[in-house]
Amino acid sequence: MYDIVRIFNSTLRDQAFSNPFEYIMDNQLAAILFFSLFGSVVLKKIAFTMCGVFYKRKSNKTLGSIVYMFFYCINIQVLIKLCQWFKDINLVISIYMLFVIALFIVLYKVKNGIRQNIV
């Protein structure tokens, strides 16, 4: 089951989402290069860390892959919207960083709230 979910997630990441930086960069090659570096290093690490708030590594690979894809989708959609609304890369990255910080705060509050209600 994990292999099916993994292949689906990989296909979804590669085919369904547009490059968010295409909206703010005139040079197509620069947009692809920037997203390749940003997406493969920073964005995947952020989504993986968000997934780790609720998912314990190696406990259920299929569930972990689904949760990871959920957080990846949220992050990429926020980046796409920010790039559509603002044309300055520095502003987009600054607002995105604030979004990530706020989302981590919310995720940890939800996790702590769930723990308090369970115990």
N, C-alpha and C. Protein backbone atom coordinates (compact mmCIF):
# COMPACT_ATOMS: atom_id res chain seq x y z
N MET A 1 0.82 -1.20 0.00
CA MET A 1 0.00 0.00 0.00
C MET A 1 0.86 1.26 0.00
N TYR A 2 1.98 1.19 0.75
CA TYR A 2 2.86 2.35 0.83
C TYR A 2 3.40 2.72 -0.55
N ASP A 3 3.78 1.74 -1.35
CA ASP A 3 4.33 2.02 -2.67
C ASP A 3 3.32 2.72 -3.57
N ILE A 4 2.07 2.34 -3.47
CA ILE A 4 1.01 2.99 -4.26
C ILE A 4 0.87 4.45 -3.84
N VAL A 5 0.82 4.70 -2.55
CA VAL A 5 0.70 6.07 -2.04
C VAL A 5 1.92 6.89 -2.42
N ARG A 6 3.09 6.30 -2.31
CA ARG A 6 4.34 7.00 -2.64
C ARG A 6 4.37 7.41 -4.12
N ILE A 7 3.98 6.50 -4.99
CA ILE A 7 3.95 6.79 -6.43
C ILE A 7 2.90 7.86 -6.73
N PHE A 8 1.74 7.75 -6.09
CA PHE A 8 0.70 8.76 -6.28
C PHE A 8 1.19 10.14 -5.82
N ASN A 9 1.82 10.19 -4.66
CA ASN A 9 2.33 11.46 -4.14
C ASN A 9 3.39 12.05 -5.05
N SER A 10 4.28 11.22 -5.54
CA SER A 10 5.33 11.70 -6.44
C SER A 10 4.74 12.25 -7.74
N THR A 11 3.79 11.54 -8.28
CA THR A 11 3.13 11.99 -9.50
C THR A 11 2.37 13.29 -9.26
N LEU A 12 1.68 13.37 -8.15
CA LEU A 12 0.94 14.59 -7.81
C LEU A 12 1.86 15.78 -7.67
N ARG A 13 2.98 15.59 -6.99
CA ARG A 13 3.94 16.69 -6.81
C ARG A 13 4.51 17.14 -8.14
N ASP A 14 4.80 16.20 -9.02
CA ASP A 14 5.44 16.55 -10.28
C ASP A 14 4.47 17.09 -11.34
N GLN A 15 3.23 16.61 -11.34
CA GLN A 15 2.32 16.95 -12.42
C GLN A 15 1.20 17.93 -12.06
N ALA A 16 0.69 17.86 -10.84
CA ALA A 16 -0.51 18.63 -10.51
C ALA A 16 -0.23 20.06 -10.09
N PHE A 17 0.93 20.31 -9.56
CA PHE A 17 1.21 21.65 -9.05
C PHE A 17 2.10 22.41 -10.01
N SER A 18 1.74 23.65 -10.23
CA SER A 18 2.58 24.48 -11.07
C SER A 18 3.74 25.04 -10.25
N ASN A 19 4.71 25.54 -10.94
CA ASN A 19 5.85 26.18 -10.29
C ASN A 19 5.38 27.55 -9.79
N PRO A 20 5.34 27.79 -8.48
CA PRO A 20 4.83 29.06 -7.98
C PRO A 20 5.66 30.26 -8.41
N PHE A 21 6.93 30.06 -8.69
CA PHE A 21 7.80 31.17 -9.03
C PHE A 21 7.66 31.60 -10.49
N GLU A 22 6.90 30.86 -11.27
CA GLU A 22 6.62 31.28 -12.65
C GLU A 22 5.82 32.57 -12.68
N TYR A 23 5.06 32.84 -11.60
CA TYR A 23 4.22 34.02 -11.56
C TYR A 23 5.01 35.30 -11.29
N ILE A 24 6.20 35.19 -10.74
CA ILE A 24 6.94 36.40 -10.40
C ILE A 24 8.26 36.55 -11.14
N MET A 25 8.69 35.53 -11.85
CA MET A 25 9.95 35.60 -12.59
C MET A 25 9.67 35.55 -14.08
N ASP A 26 10.27 36.47 -14.81
CA ASP A 26 10.09 36.48 -16.26
C ASP A 26 10.93 35.40 -16.94
N ASN A 27 12.07 35.10 -16.37
CA ASN A 27 12.96 34.10 -16.93
C ASN A 27 12.49 32.71 -16.48
N GLN A 28 12.00 31.94 -17.42
CA GLN A 28 11.45 30.61 -17.13
C GLN A 28 12.51 29.67 -16.56
N LEU A 29 13.71 29.74 -17.08
CA LEU A 29 14.79 28.88 -16.61
C LEU A 29 15.14 29.21 -15.16
N ALA A 30 15.19 30.49 -14.83
CA ALA A 30 15.48 30.89 -13.45
C ALA A 30 14.38 30.43 -12.50
N ALA A 31 13.13 30.49 -12.94
CA ALA A 31 12.01 30.05 -12.10
C ALA A 31 12.10 28.55 -11.85
N ILE A 32 12.42 27.78 -12.87
CA ILE A 32 12.55 26.33 -12.72
C ILE A 32 13.73 25.99 -11.81
N LEU A 33 14.85 26.65 -12.00
CA LEU A 33 16.03 26.40 -11.18
C LEU A 33 15.77 26.78 -9.73
N PHE A 34 15.16 27.94 -9.51
CA PHE A 34 14.87 28.39 -8.14
C PHE A 34 13.92 27.42 -7.45
N PHE A 35 12.87 26.99 -8.15
CA PHE A 35 11.94 26.06 -7.54
C PHE A 35 12.57 24.69 -7.32
N SER A 36 13.43 24.26 -8.21
CA SER A 36 14.10 22.97 -8.03
C SER A 36 14.94 22.99 -6.76
N LEU A 37 15.67 24.07 -6.55
CA LEU A 37 16.49 24.18 -5.34
C LEU A 37 15.61 24.38 -4.11
N PHE A 38 14.67 25.32 -4.20
CA PHE A 38 13.81 25.63 -3.06
C PHE A 38 12.89 24.46 -2.74
N GLY A 39 12.28 23.90 -3.77
CA GLY A 39 11.32 22.81 -3.56
C GLY A 39 11.96 21.53 -3.06
N SER A 40 13.11 21.20 -3.62
CA SER A 40 13.71 19.93 -3.22
C SER A 40 14.44 20.02 -1.89
N VAL A 41 14.86 21.18 -1.48
CA VAL A 41 15.58 21.29 -0.22
C VAL A 41 14.68 21.85 0.87
N VAL A 42 14.26 23.08 0.71
CA VAL A 42 13.56 23.80 1.78
C VAL A 42 12.12 23.33 1.94
N LEU A 43 11.37 23.31 0.86
CA LEU A 43 9.95 22.99 0.95
C LEU A 43 9.72 21.56 1.44
N LYS A 44 10.50 20.62 0.95
CA LYS A 44 10.34 19.23 1.40
C LYS A 44 10.72 19.09 2.87
N LYS A 45 11.75 19.80 3.31
CA LYS A 45 12.15 19.75 4.72
C LYS A 45 11.07 20.35 5.62
N ILE A 46 10.47 21.45 5.19
CA ILE A 46 9.40 22.07 5.98
C ILE A 46 8.21 21.13 6.08
N ALA A 47 7.79 20.55 4.96
CA ALA A 47 6.64 19.64 4.97
C ALA A 47 6.95 18.39 5.81
N PHE A 48 8.17 17.88 5.72
CA PHE A 48 8.57 16.71 6.49
C PHE A 48 8.54 17.02 7.99
N THR A 49 9.01 18.21 8.37
CA THR A 49 9.02 18.60 9.78
C THR A 49 7.60 18.81 10.29
N MET A 50 6.74 19.39 9.48
CA MET A 50 5.33 19.56 9.87
C MET A 50 4.68 18.19 10.05
N CYS A 51 4.99 17.28 9.18
CA CYS A 51 4.46 15.91 9.29
C CYS A 51 4.92 15.27 10.59
N GLY A 52 6.16 15.54 10.98
CA GLY A 52 6.73 14.96 12.17
C GLY A 52 6.11 15.44 13.47
N VAL A 53 5.34 16.52 13.42
CA VAL A 53 4.66 17.00 14.63
C VAL A 53 3.67 15.95 15.12
N PHE A 54 2.99 15.28 14.19
CA PHE A 54 1.96 14.31 14.55
C PHE A 54 2.37 12.86 14.27
N TYR A 55 3.25 12.65 13.35
CA TYR A 55 3.59 11.31 12.89
C TYR A 55 4.93 10.87 13.48
N LYS A 56 4.94 9.70 14.08
CA LYS A 56 6.19 9.14 14.61
C LYS A 56 6.84 8.31 13.52
N ARG A 57 8.08 8.60 13.24
CA ARG A 57 8.82 7.97 12.14
C ARG A 57 8.78 6.45 12.23
N LYS A 58 8.55 5.81 11.10
CA LYS A 58 8.52 4.36 10.92
C LYS A 58 7.36 3.66 11.64
N SER A 59 6.37 4.43 12.11
CA SER A 59 5.25 3.76 12.78
C SER A 59 4.23 3.25 11.76
N ASN A 60 3.93 4.02 10.74
CA ASN A 60 3.02 3.61 9.68
C ASN A 60 3.41 4.40 8.44
N LYS A 61 4.18 3.79 7.55
CA LYS A 61 4.74 4.50 6.41
C LYS A 61 3.67 5.07 5.49
N THR A 62 2.58 4.35 5.31
CA THR A 62 1.51 4.83 4.43
C THR A 62 0.88 6.09 5.00
N LEU A 63 0.54 6.06 6.28
CA LEU A 63 -0.04 7.24 6.92
C LEU A 63 0.94 8.41 6.90
N GLY A 64 2.21 8.13 7.16
CA GLY A 64 3.23 9.18 7.13
C GLY A 64 3.33 9.82 5.76
N SER A 65 3.25 9.02 4.72
CA SER A 65 3.33 9.54 3.35
C SER A 65 2.11 10.41 3.02
N ILE A 66 0.95 10.01 3.50
CA ILE A 66 -0.27 10.80 3.26
C ILE A 66 -0.20 12.13 4.02
N VAL A 67 0.23 12.08 5.27
CA VAL A 67 0.34 13.31 6.07
C VAL A 67 1.39 14.24 5.48
N TYR A 68 2.52 13.68 5.03
CA TYR A 68 3.55 14.48 4.39
C TYR A 68 2.99 15.19 3.15
N MET A 69 2.26 14.45 2.33
CA MET A 69 1.71 15.04 1.12
C MET A 69 0.69 16.13 1.44
N PHE A 70 -0.07 15.95 2.50
CA PHE A 70 -1.03 16.96 2.94
C PHE A 70 -0.31 18.27 3.26
N PHE A 71 0.75 18.19 4.04
CA PHE A 71 1.49 19.40 4.40
C PHE A 71 2.24 19.98 3.21
N TYR A 72 2.73 19.15 2.32
CA TYR A 72 3.38 19.64 1.11
C TYR A 72 2.37 20.42 0.26
N CYS A 73 1.17 19.88 0.12
CA CYS A 73 0.12 20.55 -0.66
C CYS A 73 -0.24 21.90 -0.06
N ILE A 74 -0.37 21.95 1.25
CA ILE A 74 -0.69 23.22 1.91
C ILE A 74 0.40 24.25 1.62
N ASN A 75 1.65 23.86 1.79
CA ASN A 75 2.76 24.77 1.58
C ASN A 75 2.86 25.25 0.14
N ILE A 76 2.70 24.35 -0.81
CA ILE A 76 2.82 24.74 -2.21
C ILE A 76 1.67 25.64 -2.63
N GLN A 77 0.48 25.38 -2.12
CA GLN A 77 -0.67 26.23 -2.46
C GLN A 77 -0.51 27.64 -1.89
N VAL A 78 0.02 27.73 -0.68
CA VAL A 78 0.28 29.05 -0.09
C VAL A 78 1.31 29.79 -0.93
N LEU A 79 2.36 29.10 -1.34
CA LEU A 79 3.37 29.74 -2.18
C LEU A 79 2.80 30.19 -3.53
N ILE A 80 1.97 29.39 -4.12
CA ILE A 80 1.36 29.77 -5.40
C ILE A 80 0.52 31.03 -5.23
N LYS A 81 -0.31 31.05 -4.19
CA LYS A 81 -1.16 32.24 -3.97
C LYS A 81 -0.32 33.48 -3.68
N LEU A 82 0.70 33.34 -2.86
CA LEU A 82 1.56 34.49 -2.56
C LEU A 82 2.25 35.01 -3.81
N CYS A 83 2.72 34.10 -4.66
CA CYS A 83 3.38 34.52 -5.90
C CYS A 83 2.40 35.15 -6.89
N GLN A 84 1.14 34.76 -6.82
CA GLN A 84 0.15 35.39 -7.69
C GLN A 84 -0.21 36.79 -7.19
N TRP A 85 -0.23 36.97 -5.87
CA TRP A 85 -0.61 38.25 -5.30
C TRP A 85 0.51 39.28 -5.27
N PHE A 86 1.74 38.83 -5.03
CA PHE A 86 2.87 39.73 -4.89
C PHE A 86 3.93 39.39 -5.93
N LYS A 87 4.57 40.40 -6.46
CA LYS A 87 5.57 40.19 -7.51
C LYS A 87 7.00 40.33 -7.01
N ASP A 88 7.19 40.59 -5.73
CA ASP A 88 8.52 40.73 -5.15
C ASP A 88 8.90 39.44 -4.42
N ILE A 89 9.98 38.81 -4.85
CA ILE A 89 10.39 37.53 -4.29
C ILE A 89 10.72 37.65 -2.81
N ASN A 90 11.33 38.76 -2.41
CA ASN A 90 11.67 38.95 -0.99
C ASN A 90 10.42 39.04 -0.13
N LEU A 91 9.41 39.72 -0.62
CA LEU A 91 8.15 39.83 0.11
C LEU A 91 7.46 38.47 0.20
N VAL A 92 7.47 37.73 -0.88
CA VAL A 92 6.85 36.40 -0.91
C VAL A 92 7.52 35.49 0.11
N ILE A 93 8.83 35.46 0.11
CA ILE A 93 9.55 34.58 1.03
C ILE A 93 9.36 35.04 2.48
N SER A 94 9.33 36.33 2.73
CA SER A 94 9.11 36.84 4.09
C SER A 94 7.72 36.46 4.61
N ILE A 95 6.71 36.65 3.79
CA ILE A 95 5.34 36.29 4.20
C ILE A 95 5.23 34.78 4.37
N TYR A 96 5.86 34.03 3.48
CA TYR A 96 5.83 32.58 3.58
C TYR A 96 6.49 32.11 4.88
N MET A 97 7.60 32.72 5.25
CA MET A 97 8.28 32.36 6.51
C MET A 97 7.37 32.64 7.70
N LEU A 98 6.66 33.76 7.68
CA LEU A 98 5.71 34.06 8.76
C LEU A 98 4.58 33.03 8.80
N PHE A 99 4.11 32.63 7.62
CA PHE A 99 3.07 31.60 7.55
C PHE A 99 3.56 30.29 8.16
N VAL A 100 4.78 29.89 7.81
CA VAL A 100 5.33 28.63 8.33
C VAL A 100 5.46 28.69 9.85
N ILE A 101 5.96 29.79 10.38
CA ILE A 101 6.10 29.94 11.82
C ILE A 101 4.73 29.86 12.49
N ALA A 102 3.75 30.58 11.94
CA ALA A 102 2.40 30.56 12.51
C ALA A 102 1.79 29.16 12.44
N LEU A 103 2.02 28.46 11.35
CA LEU A 103 1.47 27.12 11.21
C LEU A 103 2.11 26.15 12.21
N PHE A 104 3.41 26.27 12.42
CA PHE A 104 4.06 25.43 13.43
C PHE A 104 3.51 25.71 14.83
N ILE A 105 3.27 26.97 15.14
CA ILE A 105 2.69 27.32 16.44
C ILE A 105 1.33 26.67 16.60
N VAL A 106 0.50 26.77 15.57
CA VAL A 106 -0.84 26.17 15.60
C VAL A 106 -0.74 24.65 15.72
N LEU A 107 0.14 24.03 14.95
CA LEU A 107 0.28 22.57 14.99
C LEU A 107 0.69 22.08 16.39
N TYR A 108 1.63 22.77 17.01
CA TYR A 108 2.06 22.35 18.35
C TYR A 108 0.97 22.60 19.39
N LYS A 109 0.19 23.68 19.22
CA LYS A 109 -0.92 23.92 20.15
C LYS A 109 -1.99 22.84 19.99
N VAL A 110 -2.28 22.45 18.77
CA VAL A 110 -3.25 21.38 18.53
C VAL A 110 -2.73 20.07 19.11
N LYS A 111 -1.46 19.77 18.90
CA LYS A 111 -0.88 18.54 19.43
C LYS A 111 -0.95 18.53 20.96
N ASN A 112 -0.59 19.64 21.60
CA ASN A 112 -0.65 19.72 23.06
C ASN A 112 -2.08 19.65 23.57
N GLY A 113 -3.02 20.24 22.84
CA GLY A 113 -4.43 20.17 23.22
C GLY A 113 -4.95 18.75 23.14
N ILE A 114 -4.55 18.03 22.11
CA ILE A 114 -4.96 16.63 21.97
C ILE A 114 -4.36 15.80 23.09
N ARG A 115 -3.10 16.02 23.41
CA ARG A 115 -2.45 15.26 24.50
C ARG A 115 -3.12 15.51 25.84
N GLN A 116 -3.49 16.77 26.11
CA GLN A 116 -4.13 17.09 27.38
C GLN A 116 -5.50 16.44 27.49
N ASN A 117 -6.22 16.36 26.39
CA ASN A 117 -7.54 15.75 26.41
C ASN A 117 -7.48 14.23 26.52
N ILE A 118 -6.40 13.64 26.03
CA ILE A 118 -6.25 12.19 26.10
C ILE A 118 -5.81 11.76 27.50
N VAL A 119 -4.91 12.50 28.08
CA VAL A 119 -4.36 12.13 29.40
C VAL A 119 -5.25 12.54 30.49
